[in-house]
Amino acid sequence: MFSPKPYFLLLKILADRNLYKLENFIPKDSELTFYDPGNGIPDHKNTDAWLLRTVTNVNEQTVPDLSKDLQFIGTGSSGSDHIDKKYLQKNGVKFADAKGCNARAVAEYVLTALLLLKFDEKVDIESLSYGIIGVGAVGTEVGKLMDAFGFNYKSYDPPREEIDPNFTSCSLDEVLECDALTFHVPYEEYGNHPTKYWLDETKLANRNYKVLINASRGGILKEEAVKASFNKGHIDFLVIDVWENEPDFDPEFAELAYIATPHIAGYSEQAKLNASSIVVQKMLNHFGTESTIDQDLYQSKYVDLAHITFSDSQLLKRLHPIMEYDAALRDLIGRSDRTELFRKLREDRPFRFEYGYLSLDEPLIKDHPFLKVLGISNH
């Protein structure tokens, strides 16, 4: 639990009901009210802090009447392109995100997809060169896992190079010449480094890719350009978790993908706890109170599979629901209500445990060495 300072601090907090176990992090002397984001923008009068998720867009059009009482808006997500930060600043509202909360979960999604390509499609993933585009919290974790597996990769992030003297980005040509690309950038339409349609017809021209993975934001890939390149045989495999017009995803694009999932790469028990923890900590810091975290919330899980024989592929699919989400998304293709069902998919599924919080019987790990590389421990 969070332990606020001993002085009295009554905060009136409005929160998305889907922020995971949020009540465990809120000081007991605060007034916490949950709302259903499916019902639109909530009444936020007489509210000090509003905690929301990416499904709620906050800008001058969606929330033209920001309450004068509101002092803080926090999103329980790593990305923040659903928030007009200049609009909040103009109205004197402090904003904070939960950047990095799901970094490990997304990195595990990427490596899980690659391992399934190896196990099911016989792709020689060890021989490929990888381009990591965006090397913030998520891209860094992807790099760590690629190091663990001995993969060869290049890191591309010019904006980070501008502010981090210890980081050197590869060149654009170097990253585009890689065999596989994985995207981990924020969505930016303007500025010195826009990412909207970063991968377009121009960058795809005269290039071939074994794998393209997008688990960052919809609109980073220009889907029509990627579809055209795929249909010409210039791209072998697509792994797509985010969509240009999400939640109204393009069924045709989904059908082309080897793996197509409903924006769940970052969904894990630990990532969701991190999101609630980080955004509440930032909120309390803004209001001048300190906090501590009850680490007992971060439980490990033993998976008893000792008496079952698995192939590598079968075992990985038991430990990560990536193909269950893929099947669920494909079931929506052709449905007129797919937009609403897409939202429900993101809300109704149980969260997986990250590999570092799983343990298996030792003989199973010996028989499947990739498990140890992913961080799964002996029971």
Protein backbone atom coordinates (compact mmCIF):
# COMPACT_ATOMS: atom_id res chain seq x y z
CA MET A 1 0.00 0.00 0.00
CA PHE A 2 0.98 3.62 -0.33
CA SER A 3 1.67 5.31 2.99
CA PRO A 4 1.05 9.06 2.76
CA LYS A 5 2.65 11.51 5.15
CA PRO A 6 0.97 11.63 8.56
CA TYR A 7 -0.70 14.95 7.90
CA PHE A 8 -4.28 14.98 6.61
CA LEU A 9 -4.64 15.07 2.85
CA LEU A 10 -8.08 14.50 1.38
CA LEU A 11 -7.85 14.08 -2.36
CA LYS A 12 -10.91 13.69 -4.55
CA ILE A 13 -9.84 11.26 -7.25
CA LEU A 14 -11.80 10.21 -10.34
CA ALA A 15 -10.45 7.03 -11.97
CA ASP A 16 -11.10 4.71 -14.88
CA ARG A 17 -12.52 1.52 -13.39
CA ASN A 18 -10.09 -0.56 -15.47
CA LEU A 19 -6.94 0.83 -13.87
CA TYR A 20 -5.63 -2.36 -12.35
CA LYS A 21 -5.94 -2.73 -8.57
CA LEU A 22 -5.75 1.05 -8.30
CA GLU A 23 -7.49 1.07 -4.93
CA ASN A 24 -4.48 -0.75 -3.45
CA PHE A 25 -2.28 2.26 -4.19
CA ILE A 26 -4.58 5.12 -3.17
CA PRO A 27 -4.21 6.64 0.34
CA LYS A 28 -7.10 5.63 2.56
CA ASP A 29 -7.92 9.22 3.45
CA SER A 30 -8.69 10.01 -0.20
CA GLU A 31 -12.09 9.94 -1.88
CA LEU A 32 -11.89 7.56 -4.85
CA THR A 33 -14.66 7.40 -7.47
CA PHE A 34 -14.54 5.00 -10.42
CA TYR A 35 -16.18 5.62 -13.80
CA ASP A 36 -16.86 3.52 -16.90
CA PRO A 37 -14.91 4.92 -19.89
CA GLY A 38 -17.43 3.28 -22.21
CA ASN A 39 -19.93 5.94 -21.18
CA GLY A 40 -17.83 8.80 -22.51
CA ILE A 41 -16.19 11.70 -20.70
CA PRO A 42 -17.14 11.60 -17.01
CA ASP A 43 -18.34 14.49 -14.88
CA HIS A 44 -15.13 15.71 -13.26
CA LYS A 45 -16.40 18.68 -11.29
CA ASN A 46 -15.20 18.84 -7.68
CA THR A 47 -12.30 16.55 -8.64
CA ASP A 48 -8.66 17.15 -7.73
CA ALA A 49 -7.17 14.39 -9.87
CA TRP A 50 -8.39 12.40 -12.85
CA LEU A 51 -6.70 9.07 -13.63
CA LEU A 52 -7.50 7.61 -17.04
CA ARG A 53 -6.33 5.27 -19.81
CA THR A 54 -5.58 5.52 -23.53
CA VAL A 55 -9.25 4.92 -24.40
CA THR A 56 -10.04 8.44 -23.14
CA ASN A 57 -8.93 11.33 -25.35
CA VAL A 58 -8.51 14.66 -23.61
CA ASN A 59 -8.32 17.78 -25.76
CA GLU A 60 -10.26 20.99 -26.35
CA GLN A 61 -12.86 19.19 -28.47
CA THR A 62 -13.52 16.21 -26.19
CA VAL A 63 -13.33 18.11 -22.90
CA PRO A 64 -14.08 21.77 -23.70
CA ASP A 65 -15.13 22.51 -20.12
CA LEU A 66 -12.21 21.38 -17.96
CA SER A 67 -13.21 21.78 -14.34
CA LYS A 68 -11.51 24.63 -12.49
CA ASP A 69 -11.09 22.25 -9.55
CA LEU A 70 -9.01 19.82 -11.58
CA GLN A 71 -5.29 20.02 -10.82
CA PHE A 72 -3.88 16.76 -12.15
CA ILE A 73 -4.50 14.27 -14.97
CA GLY A 74 -2.56 11.03 -15.09
CA THR A 75 -2.70 8.22 -17.61
CA GLY A 76 -1.99 4.65 -16.61
CA SER A 77 -0.14 4.01 -19.84
CA SER A 78 3.30 4.40 -21.31
CA GLY A 79 2.05 6.42 -24.28
CA SER A 80 0.34 9.79 -24.05
CA ASP A 81 -0.75 10.69 -27.59
CA HIS A 82 -4.38 10.62 -26.38
CA ILE A 83 -3.69 13.73 -24.28
CA ASP A 84 -3.32 17.30 -25.56
CA LYS A 85 -0.62 18.36 -23.11
CA LYS A 86 -0.57 21.97 -24.33
CA TYR A 87 -4.29 22.23 -23.65
CA LEU A 88 -3.79 20.98 -20.09
CA GLN A 89 -0.87 23.33 -19.54
CA LYS A 90 -2.96 26.27 -20.75
CA ASN A 91 -5.57 25.36 -18.15
CA GLY A 92 -3.08 24.87 -15.33
CA VAL A 93 -3.51 21.10 -15.13
CA LYS A 94 -0.44 18.99 -14.38
CA PHE A 95 -0.04 15.87 -16.54
CA ALA A 96 1.85 12.64 -15.93
CA ASP A 97 2.08 9.27 -17.64
CA ALA A 98 3.31 5.85 -16.58
CA LYS A 99 6.14 5.68 -19.09
CA GLY A 100 8.03 2.42 -18.97
CA CYS A 101 5.34 0.56 -17.04
CA ASN A 102 4.93 -2.13 -19.69
CA ALA A 103 8.43 -2.17 -21.16
CA ARG A 104 9.26 -5.73 -20.21
CA ALA A 105 5.83 -7.02 -21.24
CA VAL A 106 6.13 -5.52 -24.74
CA ALA A 107 9.68 -6.82 -25.13
CA GLU A 108 8.48 -10.30 -24.20
CA TYR A 109 5.71 -10.02 -26.81
CA VAL A 110 8.31 -9.25 -29.48
CA LEU A 111 10.56 -12.17 -28.55
CA THR A 112 7.57 -14.51 -28.19
CA ALA A 113 6.49 -13.67 -31.74
CA LEU A 114 10.00 -14.26 -33.06
CA LEU A 115 10.32 -17.57 -31.24
CA LEU A 116 7.00 -18.74 -32.67
CA LEU A 117 8.27 -17.86 -36.14
CA LYS A 118 11.22 -20.12 -35.41
CA PHE A 119 9.21 -22.97 -33.92
CA ASP A 120 6.21 -22.93 -36.30
CA GLU A 121 7.50 -21.40 -39.53
CA LYS A 122 11.12 -22.59 -39.33
CA VAL A 123 12.45 -19.04 -39.74
CA ASP A 124 16.14 -18.89 -38.85
CA ILE A 125 15.68 -15.97 -36.45
CA GLU A 126 19.25 -16.23 -35.14
CA SER A 127 20.68 -15.36 -38.55
CA LEU A 128 18.62 -12.19 -39.05
CA SER A 129 19.76 -8.65 -38.39
CA TYR A 130 17.25 -6.62 -36.38
CA GLY A 131 16.55 -2.92 -36.33
CA ILE A 132 15.09 -1.58 -33.09
CA ILE A 133 13.41 1.71 -33.95
CA GLY A 134 12.91 3.69 -30.76
CA VAL A 135 15.21 2.90 -27.84
CA GLY A 136 13.37 4.26 -24.84
CA ALA A 137 12.17 2.02 -22.04
CA VAL A 138 10.61 -0.59 -24.33
CA GLY A 139 13.30 -0.61 -27.02
CA THR A 140 15.95 -0.96 -24.33
CA GLU A 141 14.19 -4.04 -22.92
CA VAL A 142 13.89 -5.50 -26.43
CA GLY A 143 17.64 -5.03 -26.80
CA LYS A 144 18.30 -6.80 -23.50
CA LEU A 145 16.31 -9.84 -24.58
CA MET A 146 17.97 -9.86 -27.99
CA ASP A 147 21.34 -9.76 -26.23
CA ALA A 148 20.28 -12.72 -24.11
CA PHE A 149 19.44 -14.71 -27.24
CA GLY A 150 22.58 -13.57 -29.06
CA PHE A 151 20.73 -11.72 -31.81
CA ASN A 152 22.46 -9.12 -33.97
CA TYR A 153 20.65 -5.77 -33.86
CA LYS A 154 21.06 -2.06 -34.50
CA SER A 155 19.48 0.68 -32.39
CA TYR A 156 17.90 3.68 -34.11
CA ASP A 157 16.80 6.66 -32.03
CA PRO A 158 18.06 10.10 -33.16
CA PRO A 159 15.93 12.01 -30.59
CA ARG A 160 17.54 10.06 -27.76
CA GLU A 161 21.00 10.68 -29.17
CA GLU A 162 20.30 14.43 -28.99
CA ILE A 163 19.71 14.32 -25.22
CA ASP A 164 21.72 11.29 -24.07
CA PRO A 165 25.51 11.67 -24.42
CA ASN A 166 25.93 7.96 -23.67
CA PHE A 167 23.78 6.80 -26.58
CA THR A 168 24.72 6.69 -30.26
CA SER A 169 22.05 5.97 -32.83
CA CYS A 170 22.76 4.04 -35.99
CA SER A 171 21.96 5.83 -39.25
CA LEU A 172 18.65 5.64 -41.08
CA ASP A 173 20.20 3.64 -43.92
CA GLU A 174 21.76 1.20 -41.45
CA VAL A 175 18.48 0.42 -39.73
CA LEU A 176 16.52 0.16 -42.97
CA GLU A 177 19.03 -2.37 -44.29
CA CYS A 178 18.25 -4.79 -41.45
CA ASP A 179 16.33 -8.00 -42.17
CA ALA A 180 13.66 -7.31 -39.55
CA LEU A 181 12.32 -4.14 -37.94
CA THR A 182 10.56 -3.72 -34.61
CA PHE A 183 8.96 -0.37 -33.69
CA HIS A 184 8.92 1.18 -30.22
CA VAL A 185 8.37 4.90 -30.76
CA PRO A 186 5.72 7.36 -29.55
CA TYR A 187 3.20 8.72 -32.02
CA GLU A 188 4.23 12.23 -33.06
CA GLU A 189 2.66 14.12 -35.96
CA TYR A 190 4.85 17.21 -35.73
CA GLY A 191 8.17 18.41 -34.35
CA ASN A 192 11.72 17.60 -35.36
CA HIS A 193 11.16 13.85 -35.33
CA PRO A 194 7.60 13.04 -36.44
CA THR A 195 6.72 9.35 -36.39
CA LYS A 196 3.36 9.38 -38.16
CA TYR A 197 3.68 7.11 -41.21
CA TRP A 198 7.37 6.68 -40.41
CA LEU A 199 7.42 3.54 -42.53
CA ASP A 200 5.91 4.59 -45.84
CA GLU A 201 6.24 3.93 -49.57
CA THR A 202 9.54 5.78 -49.77
CA LYS A 203 11.29 3.80 -47.04
CA LEU A 204 9.81 0.52 -48.27
CA ALA A 205 10.85 1.06 -51.89
CA ASN A 206 13.39 -1.48 -53.16
CA ARG A 207 13.70 -3.15 -49.77
CA ASN A 208 12.81 -6.62 -48.54
CA TYR A 209 12.02 -7.56 -44.94
CA LYS A 210 11.71 -10.94 -43.31
CA VAL A 211 9.70 -9.58 -40.37
CA LEU A 212 8.03 -6.29 -39.43
CA ILE A 213 6.74 -5.90 -35.87
CA ASN A 214 4.68 -2.96 -34.64
CA ALA A 215 3.87 -2.92 -30.94
CA SER A 216 4.16 0.83 -30.43
CA ARG A 217 1.31 2.92 -31.83
CA GLY A 218 -1.05 2.71 -34.76
CA GLY A 219 -0.10 5.10 -37.55
CA ILE A 220 3.64 4.54 -37.24
CA LEU A 221 3.35 2.21 -40.21
CA LYS A 222 1.44 3.46 -43.21
CA GLU A 223 -0.77 0.41 -43.51
CA GLU A 224 -1.66 0.83 -47.18
CA ALA A 225 2.04 1.04 -48.08
CA VAL A 226 2.89 -1.99 -45.96
CA LYS A 227 0.03 -3.98 -47.50
CA ALA A 228 1.24 -3.13 -51.00
CA SER A 229 4.79 -4.16 -50.17
CA PHE A 230 3.60 -7.40 -48.55
CA ASN A 231 1.41 -8.28 -51.52
CA LYS A 232 4.38 -7.77 -53.85
CA GLY A 233 6.36 -10.29 -51.84
CA HIS A 234 8.76 -7.80 -50.24
CA ILE A 235 7.70 -8.60 -46.65
CA ASP A 236 7.48 -12.18 -45.40
CA PHE A 237 5.88 -11.84 -41.95
CA LEU A 238 3.91 -9.12 -40.15
CA VAL A 239 3.34 -9.00 -36.40
CA ILE A 240 0.82 -6.24 -35.66
CA ASP A 241 -0.50 -5.26 -32.24
CA VAL A 242 -1.54 -1.65 -32.94
CA TRP A 243 -3.71 -0.28 -35.71
CA GLU A 244 -3.98 2.92 -37.72
CA ASN A 245 -7.66 3.59 -36.96
CA GLU A 246 -7.87 1.68 -33.70
CA PRO A 247 -10.21 0.39 -32.40
CA ASP A 248 -11.65 0.13 -35.94
CA PHE A 249 -8.81 -2.02 -37.27
CA ASP A 250 -8.36 -2.87 -40.95
CA PRO A 251 -9.55 -6.49 -41.44
CA GLU A 252 -7.55 -6.83 -44.65
CA PHE A 253 -4.34 -5.82 -42.86
CA ALA A 254 -5.12 -8.22 -40.02
CA GLU A 255 -5.59 -11.10 -42.45
CA LEU A 256 -2.14 -10.48 -43.92
CA ALA A 257 -0.45 -10.59 -40.52
CA TYR A 258 1.22 -13.71 -39.16
CA ILE A 259 0.18 -12.49 -35.71
CA ALA A 260 -2.56 -9.87 -35.23
CA THR A 261 -3.52 -8.82 -31.71
CA PRO A 262 -5.76 -6.11 -30.18
CA HIS A 263 -3.17 -3.74 -28.65
CA ILE A 264 -2.27 -6.11 -25.80
CA ALA A 265 1.51 -6.44 -26.17
CA GLY A 266 1.98 -4.54 -22.92
CA TYR A 267 -0.71 -6.42 -21.01
CA SER A 268 0.64 -8.33 -18.04
CA GLU A 269 -0.12 -8.54 -14.34
CA GLN A 270 3.13 -6.77 -13.52
CA ALA A 271 2.78 -4.08 -16.20
CA LYS A 272 -0.70 -3.17 -14.99
CA LEU A 273 0.48 -3.00 -11.39
CA ASN A 274 3.38 -0.82 -12.55
CA ALA A 275 0.99 1.50 -14.39
CA SER A 276 -1.22 2.07 -11.35
CA SER A 277 1.77 2.39 -9.06
CA ILE A 278 3.65 4.89 -11.23
CA VAL A 279 0.72 7.17 -11.99
CA VAL A 280 -0.39 7.27 -8.34
CA GLN A 281 3.16 8.00 -7.19
CA LYS A 282 3.37 10.92 -9.62
CA MET A 283 -0.03 12.18 -8.49
CA LEU A 284 0.95 12.08 -4.83
CA ASN A 285 4.26 13.77 -5.57
CA HIS A 286 2.36 16.57 -7.28
CA PHE A 287 0.20 17.08 -4.22
CA GLY A 288 3.23 17.06 -1.94
CA THR A 289 2.98 13.72 -0.22
CA GLU A 290 5.28 10.72 -0.23
CA SER A 291 4.48 7.10 -0.88
CA THR A 292 5.86 3.59 -0.60
CA ILE A 293 4.89 0.44 -2.48
CA ASP A 294 3.75 -2.86 -1.04
CA GLN A 295 5.91 -5.32 -2.99
CA ASP A 296 3.64 -8.18 -1.88
CA LEU A 297 1.36 -7.21 -4.76
CA TYR A 298 4.05 -8.50 -7.14
CA GLN A 299 3.52 -12.24 -6.72
CA SER A 300 5.29 -15.01 -8.61
CA LYS A 301 3.43 -17.96 -10.10
CA TYR A 302 4.32 -21.64 -10.37
CA VAL A 303 2.97 -23.33 -13.50
CA ASP A 304 2.59 -27.08 -13.01
CA LEU A 305 3.21 -28.74 -16.37
CA ALA A 306 5.46 -31.52 -15.12
CA HIS A 307 3.44 -34.45 -16.43
CA ILE A 308 2.72 -33.15 -19.92
CA THR A 309 4.94 -33.44 -22.99
CA PHE A 310 5.18 -30.27 -25.07
CA SER A 311 6.88 -29.11 -28.22
CA ASP A 312 8.67 -25.76 -27.89
CA SER A 313 5.78 -24.07 -29.67
CA GLN A 314 3.07 -25.68 -27.55
CA LEU A 315 4.86 -24.78 -24.34
CA LEU A 316 5.40 -21.16 -25.31
CA LYS A 317 1.71 -20.83 -26.22
CA ARG A 318 0.76 -22.17 -22.79
CA LEU A 319 2.87 -19.49 -21.12
CA HIS A 320 1.93 -16.52 -23.34
CA PRO A 321 -1.60 -15.95 -24.73
CA ILE A 322 -0.39 -14.21 -27.89
CA MET A 323 -2.08 -16.74 -30.20
CA GLU A 324 -5.28 -16.72 -28.14
CA TYR A 325 -5.50 -12.96 -28.70
CA ASP A 326 -4.69 -13.51 -32.38
CA ALA A 327 -7.57 -15.96 -32.73
CA ALA A 328 -9.93 -13.65 -30.84
CA LEU A 329 -9.10 -10.71 -33.12
CA ARG A 330 -9.55 -12.78 -36.26
CA ASP A 331 -13.00 -13.78 -35.02
CA LEU A 332 -13.96 -10.09 -35.32
CA ILE A 333 -13.12 -9.86 -39.02
CA GLY A 334 -16.34 -9.32 -40.94
CA ARG A 335 -18.28 -8.23 -37.86
CA SER A 336 -20.10 -4.89 -38.11
CA ASP A 337 -19.59 -4.39 -34.37
CA ARG A 338 -15.85 -5.14 -34.44
CA THR A 339 -14.95 -1.72 -33.00
CA GLU A 340 -16.84 -2.32 -29.78
CA LEU A 341 -15.71 -5.94 -29.62
CA PHE A 342 -12.09 -4.82 -30.07
CA ARG A 343 -12.50 -2.65 -26.96
CA LYS A 344 -14.02 -5.53 -25.04
CA LEU A 345 -11.13 -7.81 -25.97
CA ARG A 346 -8.78 -5.34 -24.32
CA GLU A 347 -10.84 -5.22 -21.14
CA ASP A 348 -12.16 -8.72 -20.58
CA ARG A 349 -9.10 -10.98 -20.73
CA PRO A 350 -7.06 -11.99 -17.66
CA PHE A 351 -3.53 -10.63 -17.55
CA ARG A 352 -0.62 -12.98 -18.08
CA PHE A 353 2.39 -13.16 -15.79
CA GLU A 354 5.67 -11.91 -17.23
CA TYR A 355 8.28 -14.62 -17.70
CA GLY A 356 10.42 -13.36 -14.84
CA TYR A 357 7.54 -14.02 -12.45
CA LEU A 358 6.97 -17.60 -13.61
CA SER A 359 8.58 -20.78 -12.37
CA LEU A 360 8.49 -24.27 -13.86
CA ASP A 361 9.85 -27.64 -12.82
CA GLU A 362 13.58 -27.92 -13.49
CA PRO A 363 13.41 -30.85 -15.97
CA LEU A 364 11.06 -28.84 -18.19
CA ILE A 365 13.49 -25.92 -18.29
CA LYS A 366 16.37 -28.27 -19.11
CA ASP A 367 14.38 -29.78 -21.99
CA HIS A 368 13.45 -26.33 -23.35
CA PRO A 369 16.52 -24.06 -22.92
CA PHE A 370 14.80 -20.98 -24.34
CA LEU A 371 12.71 -20.76 -21.15
CA LYS A 372 15.72 -19.85 -19.04
CA VAL A 373 16.80 -17.21 -21.55
CA LEU A 374 13.34 -15.63 -21.26
CA GLY A 375 13.85 -15.38 -17.50
CA ILE A 376 11.69 -18.26 -16.25
CA SER A 377 13.11 -19.79 -13.09
CA ASN A 378 13.30 -23.29 -11.63
CA HIS A 379 10.57 -24.15 -9.15
